[in-house]
């Protein structure tokens, strides 16, 4: 089992809108595909900044092949939509982690 995590830095003025958009649009769209599951959003407390907050958005995925297919078929589109809406006020970077225990 793998965890696909994306850490986002969100400007303070966009935090409320970002969380609403994630809960009402992004997470439901990802779940429709069925390859990524068990979504969760967490606020990152160790990186508090005056200019905004950091959030971790995580999904479980069976293997890297499933993630690759999801990324090609849906992930690129969703990233483009996020960029269109939030522009440079939301910046993210992905991390793929393997569950050991």
Protein backbone atom coordinates (compact mmCIF):
# COMPACT_ATOMS: atom_id res chain seq x y z
CA UNK A 1 0.00 0.00 0.00
CA UNK A 2 1.24 3.48 -0.89
CA UNK A 3 0.28 6.92 0.33
CA UNK A 4 0.17 9.69 -2.24
CA UNK A 5 0.65 12.98 -0.41
CA UNK A 6 0.63 16.48 -1.80
CA UNK A 7 1.75 19.30 0.45
CA UNK A 8 0.24 22.67 -0.41
CA UNK A 9 1.23 26.13 0.70
CA UNK A 10 -1.89 28.30 0.61
CA UNK A 11 -1.87 32.07 0.96
CA UNK A 12 -3.88 33.24 3.95
CA UNK A 13 -6.52 34.99 1.82
CA UNK A 14 -7.29 31.71 0.01
CA UNK A 15 -7.33 29.20 2.88
CA UNK A 16 -11.12 29.11 3.30
CA UNK A 17 -11.75 28.84 -0.45
CA UNK A 18 -9.04 26.23 -0.90
CA UNK A 19 -10.52 23.96 1.80
CA UNK A 20 -14.05 24.35 0.43
CA UNK A 21 -12.85 23.61 -3.12
CA UNK A 22 -10.92 20.56 -1.94
CA UNK A 23 -13.86 19.14 0.01
CA UNK A 24 -16.61 19.95 -2.48
CA UNK A 25 -14.81 19.42 -5.81
CA UNK A 26 -11.31 17.92 -5.73
CA UNK A 27 -11.80 15.02 -3.30
CA UNK A 28 -15.13 13.90 -4.86
CA UNK A 29 -13.60 14.04 -8.36
CA UNK A 30 -10.62 11.95 -7.29
CA UNK A 31 -12.83 9.38 -5.57
CA UNK A 32 -15.02 8.98 -8.69
CA UNK A 33 -12.07 7.40 -10.49
CA UNK A 34 -11.73 4.71 -7.81
CA UNK A 35 -7.97 4.25 -7.91
CA UNK A 36 -7.16 6.60 -5.03
CA UNK A 37 -9.09 6.16 -1.80
CA UNK A 38 -9.19 7.07 1.92
CA UNK A 39 -8.70 10.81 1.35
CA UNK A 40 -7.70 13.10 4.19
CA UNK A 41 -6.66 16.69 4.60
CA UNK A 42 -4.44 17.78 7.47
CA UNK A 43 -3.10 21.17 8.47
CA UNK A 44 0.69 21.05 8.84
CA UNK A 45 1.52 22.60 12.19
CA UNK A 46 5.31 22.46 11.99
CA UNK A 47 5.46 25.01 9.15
CA UNK A 48 3.34 27.94 10.33
CA UNK A 49 3.90 31.05 8.28
CA UNK A 50 2.49 34.55 8.50
CA UNK A 51 1.72 34.55 4.77
CA UNK A 52 -0.42 31.40 4.84
CA UNK A 53 -0.72 27.78 5.90
CA UNK A 54 0.44 24.40 4.69
CA UNK A 55 -1.89 21.46 4.17
CA UNK A 56 -1.28 17.78 3.47
CA UNK A 57 -3.76 16.06 1.14
CA UNK A 58 -3.35 12.29 1.23
CA UNK A 59 -4.79 9.29 -0.58
CA UNK A 60 -4.07 5.59 -0.42
CA UNK A 61 -3.26 3.81 -3.68
CA UNK A 62 -2.47 0.15 -4.35
CA UNK A 63 0.69 0.67 -6.39
CA UNK A 64 2.67 3.16 -8.45
CA UNK A 65 1.15 1.88 -11.72
CA UNK A 66 -2.34 2.82 -10.52
CA UNK A 67 -1.06 6.22 -9.43
CA UNK A 68 0.63 6.79 -12.79
CA UNK A 69 -2.58 6.01 -14.68
CA UNK A 70 -4.61 8.25 -12.37
CA UNK A 71 -2.12 11.07 -12.82
CA UNK A 72 -2.23 10.83 -16.63
CA UNK A 73 -6.01 10.53 -16.83
CA UNK A 74 -7.17 12.80 -14.02
CA UNK A 75 -4.35 14.31 -11.98
CA UNK A 76 -3.07 16.61 -14.73
CA UNK A 77 -6.60 17.95 -15.36
CA UNK A 78 -7.25 18.61 -11.67
CA UNK A 79 -3.88 20.33 -11.24
CA UNK A 80 -4.71 22.57 -14.20
CA UNK A 81 -8.11 23.42 -12.73
CA UNK A 82 -6.50 24.26 -9.39
CA UNK A 83 -3.97 26.48 -11.12
CA UNK A 84 -6.71 28.21 -13.11
CA UNK A 85 -8.67 29.00 -9.93
CA UNK A 86 -5.91 29.79 -7.42
CA UNK A 87 -3.00 30.73 -9.71
CA UNK A 88 0.18 31.30 -7.65
CA UNK A 89 -1.72 31.58 -4.34
CA UNK A 90 -1.60 27.78 -3.93
CA UNK A 91 1.62 25.86 -4.57
CA UNK A 92 2.02 22.12 -4.06
CA UNK A 93 4.56 19.35 -4.27
CA UNK A 94 3.86 15.60 -4.26
CA UNK A 95 5.43 12.82 -2.20
CA UNK A 96 4.89 9.09 -2.63
CA UNK A 97 5.31 7.02 0.53
CA UNK A 98 5.27 3.28 1.17
CA UNK A 99 3.39 2.00 4.23
CA UNK A 100 5.69 -0.34 6.15
CA UNK A 101 3.72 -1.18 9.28
